[in-house]
C-alpha cells in the first residue's frame, strides 16, 4: 500500500502544478479584467470629475453673476430707497406747507363766517325794525287815509247837498223867470195877432 500513496502524492503534485498554472492564469485574467474595469471606472470617474469641474466652473460663474446681480440690486434698492426718502421728505414738507396754508385759510374763513353771521344778525334786526316802523307808518297812514276818506265823503255829501239846494233855488228862480219871459212872449205874440200855440 505505501507505493500507492507515493503515486497519489505525485499525481497530486502534478495536478497541483497544473492547478497553480490555471490559478495563476485565472488570477492574471482576473487582474487584467480588474485593470480594465478599474480603467473604465477611472475613465468614468475622470469624466465625472471633468463634468463636476465644468459644473463647478459654471456654478462659480453663475454665482459670480448672481453676486453681481445681488450687488446691483442692493445698489438699485439703496438708490430707490434714497430717492423715495427724498420724495417722502419733499412730500411731507409740501404737505406740511399745504396743511398750514389750509389751517390759515380755515381760520380766516371762520373769522369771516363769524363776521358774516354778526352782519346778518344786525341786518335782520335792522330789517325787522324797519319792517315794524314801516308797518306802524302804514297803519298810521291807513288810519289817516280812512279819516281823510270819511272827511272827504262828508265834505262831498255836504257840498252835493249844498249844490242841490242851490240848484233847487236856481231852478225855482229860473222857472219863475222863464214863466215871466214866456208870458211876455205870449203877450207880445198876442199883440202881433199870432196864436202862440200854433208856433
N, C-alpha and C. Protein backbone atom coordinates (compact mmCIF):
# COMPACT_ATOMS: atom_id res chain seq x y z
N UNK A 1 0.79 -1.18 0.00
CA UNK A 1 0.00 0.00 0.00
C UNK A 1 0.84 1.26 0.00
N UNK A 2 1.83 1.33 0.60
CA UNK A 2 2.62 2.52 0.60
C UNK A 2 2.99 3.02 -0.77
N UNK A 3 3.35 2.20 -1.72
CA UNK A 3 3.68 2.79 -3.01
C UNK A 3 2.49 3.53 -3.62
N UNK A 4 1.35 3.12 -3.35
CA UNK A 4 0.17 3.80 -3.88
C UNK A 4 0.12 5.22 -3.36
N UNK A 5 0.49 5.40 -2.16
CA UNK A 5 0.48 6.73 -1.57
C UNK A 5 1.42 7.61 -2.32
N UNK A 6 2.57 7.16 -2.72
CA UNK A 6 3.56 7.96 -3.44
C UNK A 6 3.00 8.35 -4.79
N UNK A 7 2.37 7.44 -5.44
CA UNK A 7 1.80 7.73 -6.76
C UNK A 7 0.71 8.79 -6.62
N UNK A 8 -0.01 8.57 -5.61
CA UNK A 8 -1.07 9.55 -5.37
C UNK A 8 -0.47 10.91 -5.08
N UNK A 9 0.58 10.91 -4.31
CA UNK A 9 1.23 12.17 -3.96
C UNK A 9 1.81 12.82 -5.19
N UNK A 10 2.40 12.01 -6.10
CA UNK A 10 2.95 12.55 -7.32
C UNK A 10 1.86 13.10 -8.20
N UNK A 11 0.81 12.35 -8.27
CA UNK A 11 -0.32 12.79 -9.09
C UNK A 11 -0.87 14.09 -8.53
N UNK A 12 -0.87 14.12 -7.23
CA UNK A 12 -1.36 15.33 -6.59
C UNK A 12 -0.45 16.47 -6.87
N UNK A 13 0.89 16.25 -6.89
CA UNK A 13 1.86 17.30 -7.15
C UNK A 13 1.71 17.79 -8.57
N UNK A 14 1.58 16.88 -9.51
CA UNK A 14 1.42 17.26 -10.93
C UNK A 14 0.13 18.04 -11.11
N UNK A 15 -0.85 17.55 -10.43
CA UNK A 15 -2.14 18.21 -10.50
C UNK A 15 -2.07 19.56 -9.85
N UNK A 16 -1.28 19.61 -8.77
CA UNK A 16 -1.14 20.86 -8.03
C UNK A 16 -0.45 21.87 -8.89
N UNK A 17 0.60 21.46 -9.64
CA UNK A 17 1.32 22.36 -10.51
C UNK A 17 0.41 22.83 -11.62
N UNK A 18 -0.37 21.92 -12.14
CA UNK A 18 -1.31 22.25 -13.19
C UNK A 18 -2.34 23.24 -12.66
N UNK A 19 -2.85 23.00 -11.49
CA UNK A 19 -3.85 23.88 -10.87
C UNK A 19 -3.25 25.24 -10.59
N UNK A 20 -2.03 25.29 -10.17
CA UNK A 20 -1.38 26.57 -9.87
C UNK A 20 -1.24 27.38 -11.13
N UNK A 21 -0.90 26.77 -12.23
CA UNK A 21 -0.79 27.48 -13.53
C UNK A 21 -2.16 28.01 -13.94
N UNK A 22 -3.15 27.21 -13.77
CA UNK A 22 -4.51 27.63 -14.12
C UNK A 22 -4.95 28.74 -13.20
N UNK A 23 -4.60 28.54 -11.94
CA UNK A 23 -4.99 29.56 -10.96
C UNK A 23 -4.28 30.86 -11.28
N UNK A 24 -2.99 30.77 -11.63
CA UNK A 24 -2.24 31.98 -11.97
C UNK A 24 -2.81 32.64 -13.23
N UNK A 25 -3.12 31.74 -14.17
CA UNK A 25 -3.70 32.27 -15.40
C UNK A 25 -5.05 32.93 -15.12
N UNK A 26 -5.79 32.23 -14.26
CA UNK A 26 -7.11 32.77 -13.85
C UNK A 26 -6.92 34.09 -13.12
N UNK A 27 -5.93 34.13 -12.24
CA UNK A 27 -5.65 35.36 -11.50
C UNK A 27 -5.23 36.46 -12.44
N UNK A 28 -4.40 36.09 -13.44
CA UNK A 28 -3.93 37.08 -14.42
C UNK A 28 -5.12 37.64 -15.20
N UNK A 29 -5.97 36.72 -15.65
CA UNK A 29 -7.15 37.18 -16.39
C UNK A 29 -8.03 38.08 -15.53
N UNK A 30 -8.18 37.66 -14.29
CA UNK A 30 -8.97 38.48 -13.37
C UNK A 30 -8.31 39.83 -13.16
N UNK A 31 -6.97 39.81 -13.03
CA UNK A 31 -6.24 41.07 -12.83
C UNK A 31 -6.40 41.96 -14.05
N UNK A 32 -6.28 41.34 -15.25
CA UNK A 32 -6.47 42.12 -16.48
C UNK A 32 -7.87 42.68 -16.52
N UNK A 33 -8.84 41.81 -16.18
CA UNK A 33 -10.24 42.24 -16.15
C UNK A 33 -10.45 43.34 -15.12
N UNK A 34 -9.83 43.15 -13.93
CA UNK A 34 -9.95 44.18 -12.88
C UNK A 34 -9.32 45.49 -13.33
N UNK A 35 -8.14 45.35 -14.02
CA UNK A 35 -7.45 46.56 -14.50
C UNK A 35 -8.32 47.25 -15.54
N UNK A 36 -8.95 46.45 -16.43
CA UNK A 36 -9.82 47.03 -17.45
C UNK A 36 -11.01 47.72 -16.80
N UNK A 37 -11.61 46.99 -15.83
CA UNK A 37 -12.75 47.56 -15.11
C UNK A 37 -12.33 48.83 -14.38
N UNK A 38 -11.16 48.75 -13.73
CA UNK A 38 -10.66 49.92 -13.00
C UNK A 38 -10.36 51.07 -13.95
N UNK A 39 -9.79 50.75 -15.14
CA UNK A 39 -9.52 51.80 -16.13
C UNK A 39 -10.83 52.47 -16.57
N UNK A 40 -11.84 51.57 -16.84
CA UNK A 40 -13.14 52.11 -17.25
C UNK A 40 -13.74 52.95 -16.12
N UNK A 41 -13.60 52.38 -14.90
CA UNK A 41 -14.12 53.11 -13.72
C UNK A 41 -13.39 54.43 -13.55
N UNK A 42 -12.03 54.37 -13.76
CA UNK A 42 -11.22 55.59 -13.66
C UNK A 42 -11.61 56.58 -14.75
N UNK A 43 -11.88 56.06 -15.97
CA UNK A 43 -12.30 56.94 -17.08
C UNK A 43 -13.64 57.59 -16.73
N UNK A 44 -14.56 56.75 -16.17
CA UNK A 44 -15.86 57.30 -15.76
C UNK A 44 -15.68 58.36 -14.68
N UNK A 45 -14.81 58.01 -13.71
CA UNK A 45 -14.56 58.96 -12.63
C UNK A 45 -13.95 60.24 -13.16
N UNK A 46 -12.96 60.08 -14.10
CA UNK A 46 -12.31 61.25 -14.69
C UNK A 46 -13.33 62.11 -15.43
N UNK A 47 -14.21 61.41 -16.19
CA UNK A 47 -15.26 62.13 -16.92
C UNK A 47 -16.21 62.83 -15.93
N UNK A 48 -16.55 62.10 -14.86
CA UNK A 48 -17.43 62.68 -13.83
C UNK A 48 -16.76 63.87 -13.17
N UNK A 49 -15.43 63.71 -12.87
CA UNK A 49 -14.69 64.82 -12.26
C UNK A 49 -14.63 66.00 -13.21
N UNK A 50 -14.39 65.68 -14.52
CA UNK A 50 -14.37 66.76 -15.52
C UNK A 50 -15.71 67.47 -15.58
N UNK A 51 -16.80 66.67 -15.60
CA UNK A 51 -18.14 67.26 -15.62
C UNK A 51 -18.41 68.07 -14.35
N UNK A 52 -17.96 67.51 -13.22
CA UNK A 52 -18.14 68.20 -11.95
C UNK A 52 -17.36 69.52 -11.94
N UNK A 53 -16.09 69.45 -12.48
CA UNK A 53 -15.30 70.69 -12.55
C UNK A 53 -15.97 71.70 -13.48
N UNK A 54 -16.48 71.19 -14.60
CA UNK A 54 -17.17 72.07 -15.56
C UNK A 54 -18.42 72.67 -14.88
N UNK A 55 -19.19 71.82 -14.19
CA UNK A 55 -20.38 72.31 -13.46
C UNK A 55 -19.96 73.29 -12.37
N UNK A 56 -18.82 72.94 -11.69
CA UNK A 56 -18.32 73.83 -10.64
C UNK A 56 -17.98 75.20 -11.21
N UNK A 57 -17.28 75.18 -12.39
CA UNK A 57 -16.91 76.45 -13.03
C UNK A 57 -18.16 77.22 -13.45
N UNK A 58 -19.16 76.47 -14.03
CA UNK A 58 -20.40 77.13 -14.44
C UNK A 58 -21.13 77.72 -13.22
N UNK A 59 -21.19 76.88 -12.16
CA UNK A 59 -21.85 77.35 -10.94
C UNK A 59 -21.11 78.53 -10.33
N UNK A 60 -19.77 78.46 -10.38
CA UNK A 60 -18.96 79.56 -9.85
C UNK A 60 -19.22 80.82 -10.66
N UNK A 61 -19.26 80.67 -12.01
CA UNK A 61 -19.54 81.81 -12.88
C UNK A 61 -20.96 82.34 -12.63
N UNK A 62 -21.89 81.37 -12.50
CA UNK A 62 -23.29 81.77 -12.23
C UNK A 62 -23.39 82.47 -10.87
N UNK A 63 -22.61 81.95 -9.88
CA UNK A 63 -22.63 82.56 -8.56
C UNK A 63 -22.05 83.97 -8.61
N UNK A 64 -20.97 84.15 -9.43
CA UNK A 64 -20.40 85.50 -9.59
C UNK A 64 -21.43 86.43 -10.22
N UNK A 65 -22.14 85.91 -11.27
CA UNK A 65 -23.18 86.72 -11.91
C UNK A 65 -24.28 87.08 -10.91
N UNK A 66 -24.70 86.06 -10.13
CA UNK A 66 -25.75 86.30 -9.14
C UNK A 66 -25.29 87.30 -8.07
N UNK A 67 -24.00 87.16 -7.67
CA UNK A 67 -23.46 88.11 -6.69
C UNK A 67 -23.45 89.52 -7.27
N UNK A 68 -23.06 89.61 -8.57
CA UNK A 68 -23.07 90.93 -9.23
C UNK A 68 -24.50 91.47 -9.32
N UNK A 69 -25.44 90.54 -9.71
CA UNK A 69 -26.85 90.96 -9.77
C UNK A 69 -27.35 91.40 -8.39
N UNK A 70 -26.96 90.62 -7.36
CA UNK A 70 -27.37 90.96 -6.00
C UNK A 70 -26.78 92.30 -5.58
N UNK A 71 -25.48 92.48 -5.92
CA UNK A 71 -24.83 93.75 -5.60
C UNK A 71 -25.53 94.90 -6.32
N UNK A 72 -25.86 94.67 -7.63
CA UNK A 72 -26.54 95.70 -8.42
C UNK A 72 -27.94 95.98 -7.85
N UNK A 73 -28.65 94.90 -7.47
CA UNK A 73 -29.98 95.07 -6.88
C UNK A 73 -29.91 95.82 -5.56
N UNK A 74 -28.89 95.49 -4.75
CA UNK A 74 -28.72 96.22 -3.48
C UNK A 74 -28.43 97.69 -3.75
N UNK A 75 -27.57 97.93 -4.76
CA UNK A 75 -27.24 99.31 -5.12
C UNK A 75 -28.49 100.03 -5.63
N UNK A 76 -29.26 99.33 -6.51
CA UNK A 76 -30.51 99.93 -7.02
C UNK A 76 -31.50 100.17 -5.89
N UNK A 77 -31.59 99.16 -4.99
CA UNK A 77 -32.51 99.29 -3.85
C UNK A 77 -32.11 100.48 -2.98
N UNK A 78 -30.81 100.63 -2.78
CA UNK A 78 -30.32 101.76 -1.99
C UNK A 78 -30.65 103.08 -2.67
N UNK A 79 -30.44 103.12 -4.01
CA UNK A 79 -30.77 104.34 -4.77
C UNK A 79 -32.27 104.63 -4.70
N UNK A 80 -33.07 103.56 -4.90
CA UNK A 80 -34.53 103.74 -4.85
C UNK A 80 -34.96 104.20 -3.47
N UNK A 81 -34.38 103.56 -2.44
CA UNK A 81 -34.71 103.93 -1.06
C UNK A 81 -34.35 105.39 -0.80
N UNK A 82 -33.16 105.79 -1.28
CA UNK A 82 -32.73 107.18 -1.09
C UNK A 82 -33.67 108.14 -1.83
N UNK A 83 -34.04 107.75 -3.07
CA UNK A 83 -34.94 108.59 -3.86
C UNK A 83 -36.32 108.67 -3.20
N UNK A 84 -36.82 107.51 -2.74
CA UNK A 84 -38.13 107.50 -2.06
C UNK A 84 -38.09 108.32 -0.77
N UNK A 85 -36.96 108.22 -0.04
CA UNK A 85 -36.82 109.01 1.19
C UNK A 85 -36.84 110.49 0.86
N UNK A 86 -36.11 110.86 -0.22
CA UNK A 86 -36.08 112.26 -0.65
C UNK A 86 -37.48 112.72 -1.05
N UNK A 87 -38.17 111.88 -1.86
CA UNK A 87 -39.53 112.23 -2.28
C UNK A 87 -40.47 112.32 -1.08
N UNK A 88 -40.31 111.38 -0.12
CA UNK A 88 -41.15 111.40 1.07
C UNK A 88 -40.93 112.69 1.86
N UNK A 89 -39.67 113.06 2.03
CA UNK A 89 -39.38 114.30 2.77
C UNK A 89 -39.95 115.51 2.05
N UNK A 90 -39.79 115.52 0.70
CA UNK A 90 -40.33 116.63 -0.08
C UNK A 90 -41.85 116.70 0.05
N UNK A 91 -42.49 115.50 -0.10
CA UNK A 91 -43.96 115.47 0.00
C UNK A 91 -44.42 115.85 1.41
N UNK A 92 -43.67 115.40 2.42
CA UNK A 92 -44.02 115.73 3.80
C UNK A 92 -43.92 117.24 4.02
N UNK A 93 -42.82 117.83 3.52
CA UNK A 93 -42.65 119.29 3.65
C UNK A 93 -43.76 120.02 2.90
N UNK A 94 -44.01 119.56 1.66
CA UNK A 94 -45.05 120.18 0.83
C UNK A 94 -46.42 120.04 1.49
N UNK A 95 -46.70 118.85 2.01
CA UNK A 95 -47.97 118.62 2.68
C UNK A 95 -48.09 119.48 3.94
N UNK A 96 -46.97 119.62 4.67
CA UNK A 96 -46.97 120.48 5.86
C UNK A 96 -47.31 121.92 5.50
N UNK A 97 -46.70 122.38 4.40
CA UNK A 97 -46.97 123.76 3.94
C UNK A 97 -48.44 123.90 3.55
N UNK A 98 -48.96 122.89 2.81
CA UNK A 98 -50.36 122.95 2.39
C UNK A 98 -51.30 122.91 3.59
N UNK A 99 -50.98 122.05 4.57
CA UNK A 99 -51.80 121.96 5.79
C UNK A 99 -51.80 123.28 6.53
N UNK A 100 -50.62 123.88 6.66
CA UNK A 100 -50.53 125.16 7.34
C UNK A 100 -51.33 126.23 6.60
N UNK A 101 -51.20 126.22 5.26
CA UNK A 101 -51.95 127.18 4.44
C UNK A 101 -53.45 126.98 4.61
N UNK A 102 -53.88 125.70 4.58
CA UNK A 102 -55.30 125.41 4.74
C UNK A 102 -55.81 125.78 6.14
N UNK A 103 -54.97 125.53 7.15
CA UNK A 103 -55.37 125.91 8.51
C UNK A 103 -55.53 127.43 8.62
N UNK A 104 -54.59 128.17 8.00
CA UNK A 104 -54.69 129.63 7.98
C UNK A 104 -55.97 130.06 7.27
N UNK A 105 -56.24 129.40 6.13
CA UNK A 105 -57.44 129.73 5.35
C UNK A 105 -58.70 129.40 6.15
N UNK A 106 -58.69 128.26 6.86
CA UNK A 106 -59.85 127.87 7.68
C UNK A 106 -60.07 128.89 8.78
N UNK A 107 -58.97 129.33 9.43
CA UNK A 107 -59.09 130.34 10.50
C UNK A 107 -59.68 131.62 9.92
N UNK A 108 -59.17 132.04 8.77
CA UNK A 108 -59.66 133.26 8.13
C UNK A 108 -61.13 133.12 7.74
N UNK A 109 -61.49 131.95 7.19
CA UNK A 109 -62.88 131.73 6.79
C UNK A 109 -63.81 131.68 7.99
N UNK A 110 -63.33 131.12 9.10
CA UNK A 110 -64.14 131.11 10.33
C UNK A 110 -64.39 132.53 10.82
N UNK A 111 -63.31 133.34 10.79
CA UNK A 111 -63.48 134.74 11.20
C UNK A 111 -64.49 135.44 10.29
N UNK A 112 -64.36 135.20 8.98
CA UNK A 112 -65.30 135.82 8.03
C UNK A 112 -66.73 135.32 8.28
N UNK A 113 -66.85 134.01 8.61
CA UNK A 113 -68.17 133.45 8.90
C UNK A 113 -68.78 134.11 10.13
N UNK A 114 -67.96 134.27 11.18
CA UNK A 114 -68.45 134.94 12.39
C UNK A 114 -68.87 136.37 12.05
N UNK A 115 -68.05 137.07 11.25
CA UNK A 115 -68.36 138.45 10.85
C UNK A 115 -69.65 138.48 10.04
N UNK A 116 -69.77 137.54 9.10
CA UNK A 116 -70.98 137.48 8.26
C UNK A 116 -72.22 137.18 9.10
N UNK A 117 -72.06 136.25 10.07
CA UNK A 117 -73.21 135.94 10.94
C UNK A 117 -73.60 137.16 11.77
N UNK A 118 -72.59 137.90 12.26
CA UNK A 118 -72.87 139.12 13.03
C UNK A 118 -73.56 140.14 12.14
N UNK A 119 -73.01 140.32 10.91
CA UNK A 119 -73.63 141.27 9.98
C UNK A 119 -75.06 140.85 9.63
N UNK A 120 -75.25 139.56 9.44
CA UNK A 120 -76.59 139.05 9.10
C UNK A 120 -77.56 139.29 10.25
N UNK A 121 -77.09 139.05 11.46
CA UNK A 121 -77.95 139.28 12.63
C UNK A 121 -78.32 140.76 12.72
N UNK A 122 -77.30 141.64 12.52
CA UNK A 122 -77.56 143.09 12.56
C UNK A 122 -78.54 143.48 11.46
N UNK A 123 -78.33 142.94 10.25
CA UNK A 123 -79.22 143.23 9.12
C UNK A 123 -80.64 142.76 9.41
N UNK A 124 -80.76 141.56 10.00
CA UNK A 124 -82.10 141.06 10.33
C UNK A 124 -82.79 141.95 11.35
N UNK A 125 -82.02 142.33 12.39
CA UNK A 125 -82.61 143.21 13.41
C UNK A 125 -83.03 144.54 12.79
N UNK A 126 -82.14 145.09 11.93
CA UNK A 126 -82.44 146.36 11.26
C UNK A 126 -83.66 146.20 10.35
N UNK A 127 -83.70 145.08 9.64
CA UNK A 127 -84.83 144.84 8.73
C UNK A 127 -86.13 144.70 9.52
N UNK A 128 -86.06 143.93 10.64
CA UNK A 128 -87.25 143.78 11.47
C UNK A 128 -87.70 145.14 12.03
N UNK A 129 -86.72 145.94 12.46
CA UNK A 129 -87.04 147.27 12.98
C UNK A 129 -87.68 148.13 11.88
N UNK A 130 -87.06 148.09 10.67
CA UNK A 130 -87.62 148.86 9.55
C UNK A 130 -89.01 148.36 9.18
N UNK A 131 -89.19 147.02 9.24
CA UNK A 131 -90.50 146.44 8.93
C UNK A 131 -91.53 146.91 9.96
N UNK A 132 -91.14 146.91 11.23
CA UNK A 132 -92.06 147.39 12.28
C UNK A 132 -92.40 148.86 12.06
N UNK A 133 -91.34 149.65 11.76
CA UNK A 133 -91.58 151.08 11.51
C UNK A 133 -92.47 151.27 10.28
N UNK A 134 -92.19 150.47 9.26
CA UNK A 134 -92.98 150.54 8.03
C UNK A 134 -94.44 150.16 8.31
N UNK A 135 -94.62 149.04 9.09
CA UNK A 135 -95.97 148.62 9.44
C UNK A 135 -96.68 149.69 10.26
N UNK A 136 -95.94 150.32 11.20
CA UNK A 136 -96.53 151.39 12.02
C UNK A 136 -96.90 152.58 11.14
N UNK A 137 -96.00 152.93 10.21
CA UNK A 137 -96.27 154.05 9.29
C UNK A 137 -97.47 153.73 8.41
N UNK A 138 -97.51 152.51 7.88
CA UNK A 138 -98.64 152.10 7.03
C UNK A 138 -99.93 152.16 7.83
N UNK A 139 -99.86 151.63 9.06
CA UNK A 139 -101.06 151.66 9.91
C UNK A 139 -101.51 153.09 10.17
N UNK A 140 -100.51 153.97 10.47
CA UNK A 140 -100.83 155.38 10.74
C UNK A 140 -101.42 156.03 9.49
N UNK A 141 -100.77 155.78 8.33
CA UNK A 141 -101.26 156.36 7.08
C UNK A 141 -102.64 155.82 6.72
N UNK A 142 -102.86 154.53 7.01
CA UNK A 142 -104.17 153.93 6.72
C UNK A 142 -105.25 154.58 7.57
N UNK A 143 -104.91 154.79 8.85
CA UNK A 143 -105.90 155.46 9.72
C UNK A 143 -106.15 156.89 9.25
N UNK A 144 -105.06 157.57 8.84
CA UNK A 144 -105.22 158.94 8.31
C UNK A 144 -106.05 158.92 7.03
N UNK A 145 -105.74 157.95 6.17
CA UNK A 145 -106.48 157.82 4.91
C UNK A 145 -107.96 157.57 5.19
N UNK A 146 -108.21 156.65 6.13
CA UNK A 146 -109.61 156.39 6.49
C UNK A 146 -110.28 157.65 7.02
N UNK A 147 -109.54 158.39 7.86
CA UNK A 147 -110.07 159.65 8.42
C UNK A 147 -110.33 160.67 7.31
N UNK A 148 -109.32 160.78 6.37
CA UNK A 148 -109.48 161.71 5.25
C UNK A 148 -110.65 161.29 4.35
N UNK A 149 -110.73 159.99 4.15
CA UNK A 149 -111.82 159.49 3.30
C UNK A 149 -113.16 159.82 3.93
N UNK A 150 -113.26 159.59 5.22
CA UNK A 150 -114.51 159.92 5.92
C UNK A 150 -114.79 161.42 5.82
N UNK A 151 -113.73 162.25 6.02
CA UNK A 151 -113.87 163.72 5.94
C UNK A 151 -114.28 164.16 4.55
N UNK A 152 -113.57 163.59 3.53
CA UNK A 152 -113.90 163.97 2.14
C UNK A 152 -115.31 163.52 1.77
N UNK A 153 -115.67 162.34 2.25
CA UNK A 153 -117.02 161.84 1.96
C UNK A 153 -118.06 162.77 2.57
N UNK A 154 -117.80 163.15 3.81
CA UNK A 154 -118.73 164.07 4.48
C UNK A 154 -118.77 165.41 3.76
N UNK A 155 -117.56 165.89 3.40
CA UNK A 155 -117.47 167.17 2.69
C UNK A 155 -118.17 167.10 1.34
N UNK A 156 -117.99 165.96 0.64
CA UNK A 156 -118.63 165.77 -0.65
C UNK A 156 -120.15 165.75 -0.51
N UNK A 157 -120.61 165.01 0.49
CA UNK A 157 -122.07 164.95 0.71
C UNK A 157 -122.62 166.35 1.05
N UNK A 158 -121.86 167.02 1.93
CA UNK A 158 -122.30 168.38 2.29
C UNK A 158 -122.32 169.28 1.06
N UNK A 159 -121.24 169.17 0.23
CA UNK A 159 -121.15 170.01 -0.98
C UNK A 159 -122.27 169.67 -1.95
N UNK A 160 -122.51 168.36 -2.13
CA UNK A 160 -123.58 167.94 -3.04
C UNK A 160 -124.95 168.39 -2.52
N UNK A 161 -125.14 168.27 -1.20
CA UNK A 161 -126.41 168.73 -0.62
C UNK A 161 -126.56 170.23 -0.83
N UNK A 162 -125.46 170.93 -0.61
CA UNK A 162 -125.45 172.38 -0.79
C UNK A 162 -125.71 172.74 -2.25
N UNK A 163 -125.06 171.98 -3.16
CA UNK A 163 -125.25 172.22 -4.59
C UNK A 163 -126.68 171.95 -5.00
N UNK A 164 -127.23 170.83 -4.48
CA UNK A 164 -128.62 170.50 -4.79
C UNK A 164 -129.57 171.60 -4.27
N UNK A 165 -129.22 172.07 -3.09
CA UNK A 165 -130.04 173.16 -2.52
C UNK A 165 -129.96 174.40 -3.41
N UNK A 166 -128.70 174.74 -3.86
CA UNK A 166 -128.53 175.89 -4.76
C UNK A 166 -129.23 175.65 -6.09
N UNK A 167 -129.10 174.43 -6.59
CA UNK A 167 -129.76 174.10 -7.86
C UNK A 167 -131.28 174.21 -7.72
N UNK A 168 -131.80 173.75 -6.62
CA UNK A 168 -133.25 173.85 -6.40
C UNK A 168 -133.67 175.30 -6.36
N UNK A 169 -132.84 176.11 -5.62
CA UNK A 169 -133.14 177.55 -5.56
C UNK A 169 -133.03 178.17 -6.95
N UNK A 170 -131.97 177.80 -7.69
CA UNK A 170 -131.76 178.35 -9.03
C UNK A 170 -132.89 177.90 -9.95
N UNK A 171 -133.35 176.67 -9.79
CA UNK A 171 -134.44 176.17 -10.62
C UNK A 171 -135.72 176.97 -10.37
N UNK A 172 -135.94 177.15 -9.11
CA UNK A 172 -137.14 177.93 -8.78
C UNK A 172 -137.03 179.32 -9.38
N UNK A 173 -135.85 179.88 -9.26
CA UNK A 173 -135.62 181.23 -9.80
C UNK A 173 -135.77 181.22 -11.30
N UNK A 174 -135.17 180.26 -11.98
CA UNK A 174 -135.21 180.18 -13.44
C UNK A 174 -136.63 179.84 -13.92
N UNK A 175 -137.26 178.99 -13.17
CA UNK A 175 -138.64 178.67 -13.55
C UNK A 175 -139.52 179.92 -13.48
N UNK A 176 -139.32 180.69 -12.43
CA UNK A 176 -140.08 181.95 -12.29
C UNK A 176 -139.76 182.89 -13.44
N UNK A 177 -138.51 183.06 -13.72
CA UNK A 177 -138.08 183.95 -14.79
C UNK A 177 -138.56 183.42 -16.13
N UNK A 178 -138.46 182.10 -16.34
CA UNK A 178 -138.88 181.55 -17.62
C UNK A 178 -140.39 181.71 -17.79
N UNK A 179 -141.11 181.56 -16.71
CA UNK A 179 -142.57 181.76 -16.79
C UNK A 179 -142.86 183.21 -17.14
N UNK A 180 -142.10 184.09 -16.52
CA UNK A 180 -142.30 185.52 -16.79
C UNK A 180 -141.95 185.79 -18.24
N UNK A 181 -140.85 185.29 -18.73
CA UNK A 181 -140.42 185.52 -20.12
C UNK A 181 -141.43 184.88 -21.06
N UNK A 182 -141.91 183.76 -20.73
CA UNK A 182 -142.87 183.04 -21.54
C UNK A 182 -144.17 183.84 -21.67
N UNK A 183 -144.56 184.34 -20.55
CA UNK A 183 -145.79 185.15 -20.51
C UNK A 183 -145.60 186.39 -21.35
N UNK A 184 -144.43 187.01 -21.24
CA UNK A 184 -144.18 188.25 -22.00
C UNK A 184 -144.21 187.95 -23.50
N UNK A 185 -143.67 186.85 -23.89
CA UNK A 185 -143.64 186.50 -25.30
C UNK A 185 -145.04 186.17 -25.82
N UNK A 186 -145.80 185.54 -24.96
CA UNK A 186 -147.16 185.22 -25.34
C UNK A 186 -147.95 186.52 -25.60
N UNK A 187 -147.74 187.40 -24.69
CA UNK A 187 -148.44 188.68 -24.82
C UNK A 187 -147.96 189.42 -26.06
N UNK A 188 -146.70 189.41 -26.28
CA UNK A 188 -146.13 190.08 -27.45
C UNK A 188 -146.69 189.44 -28.73
N UNK A 189 -146.79 188.13 -28.77
CA UNK A 189 -147.31 187.42 -29.92
C UNK A 189 -148.81 187.74 -30.08
N UNK A 190 -149.44 187.78 -28.96
CA UNK A 190 -150.88 188.08 -28.99
C UNK A 190 -151.09 189.50 -29.54
N UNK A 191 -150.25 190.42 -29.19
CA UNK A 191 -150.35 191.78 -29.71
C UNK A 191 -150.07 191.80 -31.19
N UNK A 192 -149.32 190.93 -31.62
CA UNK A 192 -148.99 190.87 -33.05
C UNK A 192 -150.07 190.06 -33.79
N UNK A 193 -150.97 189.45 -33.06
CA UNK A 193 -152.06 188.74 -33.68
C UNK A 193 -151.70 187.28 -33.99
N UNK A 194 -150.77 186.79 -33.32
CA UNK A 194 -150.37 185.40 -33.58
C UNK A 194 -150.79 184.53 -32.39
N UNK A 195 -151.15 183.36 -32.70
CA UNK A 195 -151.51 182.42 -31.62
C UNK A 195 -150.24 181.68 -31.22
N UNK A 196 -149.88 181.79 -29.96
CA UNK A 196 -148.63 181.15 -29.51
C UNK A 196 -148.69 179.62 -29.53
N UNK A 197 -149.84 179.02 -29.51
CA UNK A 197 -149.95 177.58 -29.52
C UNK A 197 -149.66 176.98 -30.89
N UNK A 198 -149.84 177.81 -31.96
CA UNK A 198 -149.57 177.34 -33.31
C UNK A 198 -148.10 177.42 -33.66
N UNK A 199 -147.37 178.06 -32.91
CA UNK A 199 -145.93 178.22 -33.22
C UNK A 199 -145.14 177.09 -32.78
